[in-house]
Amino acid sequence: MHSPHPFARLLAFAGAVVLVLSAGCSAGLRGSVDGKVSYAGQSVDQGGIAFIPVEGGGGQSVTGHIFGGRYTLDSNAGPMPGKYRIEITWRKKTGNKVPGEGDHMRDEIVMGIPPKYNSESELVREVKPGHNTFDFDLKE
């Protein structure tokens, strides 16, 4: 049985170290972000939040879920430091039932937040390294 050349083992080990270190550095650069979200005094029970880089700042777009009026993006999934435009959506239940798949009725869901807070949002926040808290108490 022939064992791999010592140099080949060294190269494989060095490659593994570089991968581990680069993954760790990337995660370490990201900020963790959390906060509360409400619209017109109502907690956003089920929705989404997006951090979209503003020209000249930030990294890639990052999205998260809002449940029970709160969202959390840890340092593995959070945005890189920089300025971001924030888009918030709310899948608001109307209390009505509508036809769904087959003969099943489902909750009617509408967009509960106007475009000025999502597709036309002018909300901007600057993410810093480490932990960030951004609460959004959106007005009608």
N, C-alpha and C. Protein backbone atom coordinates (compact mmCIF):
# COMPACT_ATOMS: atom_id res chain seq x y z
N MET A 1 0.85 -1.17 0.00
CA MET A 1 0.00 0.00 0.00
C MET A 1 0.89 1.23 0.00
N HIS A 2 0.57 2.21 -0.83
CA HIS A 2 1.38 3.41 -1.02
C HIS A 2 0.74 4.58 -0.30
N SER A 3 1.49 5.28 0.56
CA SER A 3 0.93 6.43 1.27
C SER A 3 1.16 7.69 0.44
N PRO A 4 0.27 8.70 0.58
CA PRO A 4 0.42 9.93 -0.19
C PRO A 4 1.73 10.62 0.14
N HIS A 5 2.24 11.31 -0.84
CA HIS A 5 3.48 12.08 -0.68
C HIS A 5 3.30 13.09 0.45
N PRO A 6 4.30 13.28 1.32
CA PRO A 6 4.17 14.23 2.45
C PRO A 6 3.80 15.63 1.99
N PHE A 7 4.31 16.05 0.85
CA PHE A 7 4.00 17.39 0.34
C PHE A 7 2.52 17.51 -0.03
N ALA A 8 1.95 16.44 -0.58
CA ALA A 8 0.53 16.44 -0.93
C ALA A 8 -0.33 16.57 0.32
N ARG A 9 0.07 15.86 1.38
CA ARG A 9 -0.67 15.97 2.65
C ARG A 9 -0.58 17.39 3.20
N LEU A 10 0.61 18.00 3.10
CA LEU A 10 0.81 19.36 3.58
C LEU A 10 -0.07 20.34 2.79
N LEU A 11 -0.13 20.18 1.48
CA LEU A 11 -0.99 21.04 0.65
C LEU A 11 -2.47 20.88 1.01
N ALA A 12 -2.90 19.66 1.23
CA ALA A 12 -4.30 19.42 1.60
C ALA A 12 -4.61 20.05 2.95
N PHE A 13 -3.69 19.90 3.90
CA PHE A 13 -3.89 20.51 5.22
C PHE A 13 -3.93 22.03 5.11
N ALA A 14 -3.02 22.62 4.36
CA ALA A 14 -2.98 24.08 4.19
C ALA A 14 -4.27 24.58 3.54
N GLY A 15 -4.75 23.84 2.55
CA GLY A 15 -6.02 24.23 1.90
C GLY A 15 -7.18 24.19 2.87
N ALA A 16 -7.22 23.19 3.72
CA ALA A 16 -8.30 23.08 4.70
C ALA A 16 -8.23 24.23 5.70
N VAL A 17 -7.02 24.59 6.13
CA VAL A 17 -6.85 25.70 7.07
C VAL A 17 -7.33 27.00 6.44
N VAL A 18 -6.98 27.24 5.18
CA VAL A 18 -7.41 28.47 4.50
C VAL A 18 -8.93 28.52 4.41
N LEU A 19 -9.58 27.41 4.08
CA LEU A 19 -11.04 27.39 4.00
C LEU A 19 -11.68 27.71 5.35
N VAL A 20 -11.18 27.10 6.40
CA VAL A 20 -11.73 27.34 7.74
C VAL A 20 -11.54 28.79 8.15
N LEU A 21 -10.35 29.31 7.94
CA LEU A 21 -10.08 30.70 8.33
C LEU A 21 -10.89 31.69 7.51
N SER A 22 -11.03 31.45 6.21
CA SER A 22 -11.78 32.40 5.39
C SER A 22 -13.26 32.36 5.75
N ALA A 23 -13.79 31.19 6.08
CA ALA A 23 -15.20 31.10 6.51
C ALA A 23 -15.38 31.83 7.82
N GLY A 24 -14.46 31.64 8.74
CA GLY A 24 -14.55 32.31 10.04
C GLY A 24 -14.44 33.81 9.91
N CYS A 25 -13.56 34.29 9.04
CA CYS A 25 -13.39 35.74 8.87
C CYS A 25 -14.64 36.35 8.25
N SER A 26 -15.23 35.67 7.28
CA SER A 26 -16.43 36.19 6.64
C SER A 26 -17.56 36.34 7.65
N ALA A 27 -17.77 35.30 8.47
CA ALA A 27 -18.84 35.36 9.47
C ALA A 27 -18.54 36.44 10.50
N GLY A 28 -17.24 36.61 10.86
CA GLY A 28 -16.88 37.59 11.86
C GLY A 28 -17.09 39.02 11.40
N LEU A 29 -17.10 39.24 10.10
CA LEU A 29 -17.29 40.58 9.56
C LEU A 29 -18.75 40.99 9.54
N ARG A 30 -19.64 40.04 9.52
CA ARG A 30 -21.06 40.34 9.46
C ARG A 30 -21.56 40.87 10.79
N GLY A 31 -22.60 41.70 10.72
CA GLY A 31 -23.24 42.18 11.94
C GLY A 31 -24.46 41.32 12.24
N SER A 32 -24.76 41.15 13.51
CA SER A 32 -26.04 40.52 13.86
C SER A 32 -27.04 41.65 14.00
N VAL A 33 -28.28 41.39 13.60
CA VAL A 33 -29.31 42.42 13.60
C VAL A 33 -30.60 41.81 14.14
N ASP A 34 -31.27 42.55 15.03
CA ASP A 34 -32.58 42.12 15.50
C ASP A 34 -33.41 43.34 15.83
N GLY A 35 -34.68 43.11 16.07
CA GLY A 35 -35.55 44.22 16.44
C GLY A 35 -37.02 43.85 16.39
N LYS A 36 -37.83 44.87 16.69
CA LYS A 36 -39.29 44.73 16.67
C LYS A 36 -39.84 45.47 15.46
N VAL A 37 -40.98 44.98 14.96
CA VAL A 37 -41.62 45.62 13.81
C VAL A 37 -43.11 45.73 14.08
N SER A 38 -43.63 46.95 13.95
CA SER A 38 -45.08 47.17 14.06
C SER A 38 -45.49 48.17 12.99
N TYR A 39 -46.77 48.12 12.64
CA TYR A 39 -47.34 49.07 11.68
C TYR A 39 -48.66 49.57 12.24
N ALA A 40 -48.79 50.88 12.32
CA ALA A 40 -50.01 51.52 12.82
C ALA A 40 -50.40 50.95 14.19
N GLY A 41 -49.40 50.70 15.03
CA GLY A 41 -49.66 50.22 16.38
C GLY A 41 -49.88 48.72 16.50
N GLN A 42 -49.90 48.00 15.37
CA GLN A 42 -50.10 46.55 15.40
C GLN A 42 -48.78 45.84 15.16
N SER A 43 -48.52 44.81 15.94
CA SER A 43 -47.32 44.00 15.76
C SER A 43 -47.41 43.24 14.44
N VAL A 44 -46.35 43.26 13.65
CA VAL A 44 -46.31 42.50 12.40
C VAL A 44 -46.08 41.04 12.77
N ASP A 45 -47.13 40.23 12.67
CA ASP A 45 -47.05 38.85 13.15
C ASP A 45 -46.35 37.90 12.19
N GLN A 46 -46.41 38.18 10.89
CA GLN A 46 -45.78 37.29 9.91
C GLN A 46 -45.40 38.12 8.70
N GLY A 47 -44.10 38.27 8.47
CA GLY A 47 -43.66 39.08 7.33
C GLY A 47 -42.21 38.83 7.01
N GLY A 48 -41.64 39.81 6.31
CA GLY A 48 -40.25 39.70 5.91
C GLY A 48 -39.54 41.04 6.02
N ILE A 49 -38.23 40.99 6.14
CA ILE A 49 -37.41 42.19 6.19
C ILE A 49 -36.20 41.95 5.29
N ALA A 50 -35.86 42.98 4.51
CA ALA A 50 -34.71 42.88 3.61
C ALA A 50 -33.78 44.06 3.84
N PHE A 51 -32.50 43.78 3.90
CA PHE A 51 -31.46 44.79 3.98
C PHE A 51 -30.80 44.84 2.61
N ILE A 52 -31.00 45.94 1.87
CA ILE A 52 -30.51 46.08 0.51
C ILE A 52 -29.43 47.16 0.50
N PRO A 53 -28.20 46.83 0.06
CA PRO A 53 -27.11 47.79 0.13
C PRO A 53 -27.44 49.10 -0.60
N VAL A 54 -27.08 50.20 0.05
CA VAL A 54 -27.21 51.51 -0.57
C VAL A 54 -25.91 51.75 -1.32
N GLU A 55 -25.99 52.42 -2.45
CA GLU A 55 -24.80 52.67 -3.26
C GLU A 55 -23.64 53.18 -2.41
N GLY A 56 -22.49 52.55 -2.57
CA GLY A 56 -21.31 52.96 -1.84
C GLY A 56 -21.18 52.35 -0.45
N GLY A 57 -22.10 51.47 -0.05
CA GLY A 57 -21.99 50.89 1.29
C GLY A 57 -22.60 49.51 1.34
N GLY A 58 -22.17 48.76 2.31
CA GLY A 58 -22.76 47.44 2.56
C GLY A 58 -22.26 46.38 1.60
N GLY A 59 -22.72 45.18 1.83
CA GLY A 59 -22.34 44.04 1.00
C GLY A 59 -23.51 43.60 0.14
N GLN A 60 -23.90 42.35 0.29
CA GLN A 60 -25.01 41.78 -0.47
C GLN A 60 -26.32 41.99 0.27
N SER A 61 -27.42 41.89 -0.47
CA SER A 61 -28.75 41.94 0.14
C SER A 61 -28.92 40.75 1.08
N VAL A 62 -29.61 41.00 2.18
CA VAL A 62 -29.86 39.96 3.18
C VAL A 62 -31.33 40.04 3.55
N THR A 63 -31.99 38.89 3.65
CA THR A 63 -33.40 38.87 4.02
C THR A 63 -33.62 38.01 5.26
N GLY A 64 -34.70 38.32 5.97
CA GLY A 64 -35.05 37.54 7.15
C GLY A 64 -36.56 37.51 7.32
N HIS A 65 -37.01 36.71 8.26
CA HIS A 65 -38.43 36.55 8.55
C HIS A 65 -38.80 37.32 9.80
N ILE A 66 -40.02 37.84 9.79
CA ILE A 66 -40.60 38.49 10.97
C ILE A 66 -41.67 37.55 11.50
N PHE A 67 -41.56 37.17 12.77
CA PHE A 67 -42.56 36.34 13.45
C PHE A 67 -42.89 36.99 14.77
N GLY A 68 -44.16 37.14 15.06
CA GLY A 68 -44.58 37.69 16.34
C GLY A 68 -44.03 39.08 16.61
N GLY A 69 -43.85 39.86 15.54
CA GLY A 69 -43.38 41.23 15.69
C GLY A 69 -41.88 41.38 15.88
N ARG A 70 -41.12 40.30 15.69
CA ARG A 70 -39.66 40.36 15.89
C ARG A 70 -38.93 39.67 14.73
N TYR A 71 -37.72 40.13 14.48
CA TYR A 71 -36.85 39.48 13.51
C TYR A 71 -35.45 39.36 14.13
N THR A 72 -34.69 38.37 13.67
CA THR A 72 -33.32 38.17 14.12
C THR A 72 -32.49 37.63 12.97
N LEU A 73 -31.37 38.28 12.71
CA LEU A 73 -30.38 37.78 11.76
C LEU A 73 -29.07 37.69 12.54
N ASP A 74 -28.59 36.46 12.78
CA ASP A 74 -27.36 36.33 13.56
C ASP A 74 -26.15 36.70 12.71
N SER A 75 -24.98 36.65 13.30
CA SER A 75 -23.77 37.08 12.59
C SER A 75 -23.38 36.15 11.44
N ASN A 76 -24.00 34.98 11.35
CA ASN A 76 -23.77 34.10 10.20
C ASN A 76 -24.64 34.48 9.01
N ALA A 77 -25.81 35.06 9.28
CA ALA A 77 -26.76 35.39 8.21
C ALA A 77 -26.97 36.90 8.07
N GLY A 78 -26.44 37.68 8.98
CA GLY A 78 -26.66 39.12 8.97
C GLY A 78 -25.88 39.83 7.88
N PRO A 79 -26.15 41.11 7.72
CA PRO A 79 -25.47 41.90 6.68
C PRO A 79 -24.05 42.29 7.08
N MET A 80 -23.23 42.55 6.07
CA MET A 80 -21.89 43.11 6.29
C MET A 80 -22.08 44.55 6.77
N PRO A 81 -21.13 45.12 7.47
CA PRO A 81 -21.24 46.53 7.88
C PRO A 81 -21.42 47.44 6.67
N GLY A 82 -22.25 48.46 6.83
CA GLY A 82 -22.51 49.41 5.76
C GLY A 82 -23.93 49.92 5.83
N LYS A 83 -24.30 50.78 4.86
CA LYS A 83 -25.65 51.36 4.81
C LYS A 83 -26.56 50.50 3.95
N TYR A 84 -27.80 50.34 4.45
CA TYR A 84 -28.79 49.51 3.77
C TYR A 84 -30.15 50.21 3.73
N ARG A 85 -30.84 50.01 2.61
CA ARG A 85 -32.26 50.40 2.50
C ARG A 85 -33.04 49.21 3.04
N ILE A 86 -34.04 49.49 3.86
CA ILE A 86 -34.81 48.43 4.51
C ILE A 86 -36.18 48.31 3.84
N GLU A 87 -36.54 47.11 3.47
CA GLU A 87 -37.87 46.82 2.94
C GLU A 87 -38.56 45.85 3.89
N ILE A 88 -39.79 46.19 4.27
CA ILE A 88 -40.56 45.37 5.21
C ILE A 88 -41.89 44.98 4.57
N THR A 89 -42.23 43.71 4.68
CA THR A 89 -43.50 43.21 4.17
C THR A 89 -44.27 42.56 5.32
N TRP A 90 -45.58 42.52 5.16
CA TRP A 90 -46.45 41.90 6.17
C TRP A 90 -47.51 41.09 5.48
N ARG A 91 -47.51 39.80 5.71
CA ARG A 91 -48.55 38.89 5.20
C ARG A 91 -49.67 38.89 6.23
N LYS A 92 -50.54 39.90 6.12
CA LYS A 92 -51.57 40.13 7.13
C LYS A 92 -52.84 39.34 6.81
N LYS A 93 -53.32 38.62 7.82
CA LYS A 93 -54.58 37.88 7.68
C LYS A 93 -55.73 38.87 7.86
N THR A 94 -56.73 38.75 6.97
CA THR A 94 -57.89 39.66 7.03
C THR A 94 -58.98 39.17 7.96
N GLY A 95 -58.93 37.88 8.32
CA GLY A 95 -60.01 37.30 9.11
C GLY A 95 -61.03 36.59 8.23
N ASN A 96 -60.92 36.74 6.92
CA ASN A 96 -61.81 36.08 5.97
C ASN A 96 -61.18 34.78 5.48
N LYS A 97 -62.03 33.88 5.02
CA LYS A 97 -61.58 32.63 4.41
C LYS A 97 -61.85 32.72 2.91
N VAL A 98 -60.92 32.18 2.11
CA VAL A 98 -61.05 32.16 0.66
C VAL A 98 -60.74 30.75 0.17
N PRO A 99 -61.24 30.40 -1.03
CA PRO A 99 -60.96 29.06 -1.56
C PRO A 99 -59.46 28.87 -1.78
N GLY A 100 -58.98 27.69 -1.40
CA GLY A 100 -57.58 27.34 -1.59
C GLY A 100 -57.47 26.12 -2.48
N GLU A 101 -56.41 25.36 -2.30
CA GLU A 101 -56.20 24.14 -3.07
C GLU A 101 -57.37 23.18 -2.85
N GLY A 102 -57.85 22.59 -3.92
CA GLY A 102 -58.97 21.65 -3.81
C GLY A 102 -60.19 22.35 -3.22
N ASP A 103 -60.84 21.72 -2.28
CA ASP A 103 -62.02 22.30 -1.64
C ASP A 103 -61.70 22.92 -0.28
N HIS A 104 -60.42 23.08 0.03
CA HIS A 104 -60.02 23.61 1.33
C HIS A 104 -60.09 25.13 1.34
N MET A 105 -60.61 25.65 2.43
CA MET A 105 -60.62 27.10 2.62
C MET A 105 -59.34 27.49 3.35
N ARG A 106 -58.82 28.66 3.03
CA ARG A 106 -57.60 29.15 3.69
C ARG A 106 -57.82 30.59 4.12
N ASP A 107 -56.93 31.05 5.00
CA ASP A 107 -57.00 32.45 5.44
C ASP A 107 -56.66 33.37 4.28
N GLU A 108 -57.45 34.43 4.14
CA GLU A 108 -57.13 35.44 3.14
C GLU A 108 -55.97 36.28 3.69
N ILE A 109 -54.97 36.47 2.86
CA ILE A 109 -53.78 37.23 3.27
C ILE A 109 -53.58 38.38 2.29
N VAL A 110 -53.31 39.56 2.83
CA VAL A 110 -53.06 40.75 2.02
C VAL A 110 -51.74 41.39 2.48
N MET A 111 -51.21 42.27 1.64
CA MET A 111 -50.03 43.04 2.03
C MET A 111 -50.50 44.07 3.05
N GLY A 112 -49.99 43.96 4.27
CA GLY A 112 -50.46 44.81 5.36
C GLY A 112 -49.70 46.10 5.53
N ILE A 113 -48.68 46.32 4.71
CA ILE A 113 -47.85 47.53 4.82
C ILE A 113 -47.78 48.18 3.45
N PRO A 114 -47.94 49.50 3.39
CA PRO A 114 -47.91 50.18 2.08
C PRO A 114 -46.51 50.19 1.44
N PRO A 115 -46.47 50.43 0.12
CA PRO A 115 -45.20 50.43 -0.62
C PRO A 115 -44.14 51.37 -0.05
N LYS A 116 -44.54 52.42 0.66
CA LYS A 116 -43.53 53.36 1.18
C LYS A 116 -42.59 52.70 2.20
N TYR A 117 -42.95 51.49 2.66
CA TYR A 117 -42.08 50.75 3.59
C TYR A 117 -41.49 49.48 2.97
N ASN A 118 -41.82 49.20 1.70
CA ASN A 118 -41.22 48.04 1.04
C ASN A 118 -40.70 48.43 -0.35
N SER A 119 -41.45 48.23 -1.42
CA SER A 119 -40.92 48.48 -2.76
C SER A 119 -40.48 49.92 -2.99
N GLU A 120 -41.05 50.87 -2.26
CA GLU A 120 -40.68 52.29 -2.40
C GLU A 120 -40.02 52.82 -1.12
N SER A 121 -39.48 51.93 -0.31
CA SER A 121 -38.95 52.30 1.00
C SER A 121 -37.80 53.29 0.92
N GLU A 122 -37.83 54.23 1.85
CA GLU A 122 -36.73 55.17 2.03
C GLU A 122 -36.10 54.98 3.42
N LEU A 123 -36.46 53.87 4.09
CA LEU A 123 -35.86 53.55 5.39
C LEU A 123 -34.41 53.15 5.16
N VAL A 124 -33.48 53.78 5.85
CA VAL A 124 -32.06 53.46 5.73
C VAL A 124 -31.47 53.30 7.12
N ARG A 125 -30.67 52.26 7.30
CA ARG A 125 -29.97 52.03 8.55
C ARG A 125 -28.52 51.66 8.24
N GLU A 126 -27.63 52.02 9.15
CA GLU A 126 -26.23 51.65 8.99
C GLU A 126 -25.91 50.51 9.95
N VAL A 127 -25.49 49.39 9.39
CA VAL A 127 -25.12 48.23 10.17
C VAL A 127 -23.65 48.38 10.57
N LYS A 128 -23.39 48.22 11.84
CA LYS A 128 -22.03 48.29 12.39
C LYS A 128 -21.56 46.87 12.68
N PRO A 129 -20.25 46.65 12.78
CA PRO A 129 -19.77 45.33 13.19
C PRO A 129 -20.33 45.00 14.58
N GLY A 130 -20.58 43.74 14.84
CA GLY A 130 -21.13 43.33 16.14
C GLY A 130 -22.64 43.33 16.12
N HIS A 131 -23.23 43.58 17.29
CA HIS A 131 -24.69 43.50 17.44
C HIS A 131 -25.36 44.84 17.13
N ASN A 132 -26.46 44.78 16.37
CA ASN A 132 -27.26 45.95 16.02
C ASN A 132 -28.72 45.67 16.34
N THR A 133 -29.42 46.65 16.90
CA THR A 133 -30.86 46.54 17.11
C THR A 133 -31.54 47.68 16.38
N PHE A 134 -32.45 47.32 15.47
CA PHE A 134 -33.23 48.30 14.73
C PHE A 134 -34.71 47.96 14.91
N ASP A 135 -35.42 48.78 15.68
CA ASP A 135 -36.87 48.64 15.83
C ASP A 135 -37.54 49.52 14.79
N PHE A 136 -38.64 49.02 14.23
CA PHE A 136 -39.40 49.77 13.23
C PHE A 136 -40.83 49.91 13.70
N ASP A 137 -41.21 51.13 14.11
CA ASP A 137 -42.58 51.45 14.51
C ASP A 137 -43.15 52.29 13.36
N LEU A 138 -43.68 51.59 12.36
CA LEU A 138 -44.10 52.25 11.12
C LEU A 138 -45.48 52.90 11.28
N LYS A 139 -45.60 54.10 10.74
CA LYS A 139 -46.85 54.87 10.83
C LYS A 139 -47.64 54.75 9.53
N GLU A 140 -48.96 54.96 9.62
CA GLU A 140 -49.81 54.91 8.43
C GLU A 140 -49.45 56.02 7.47
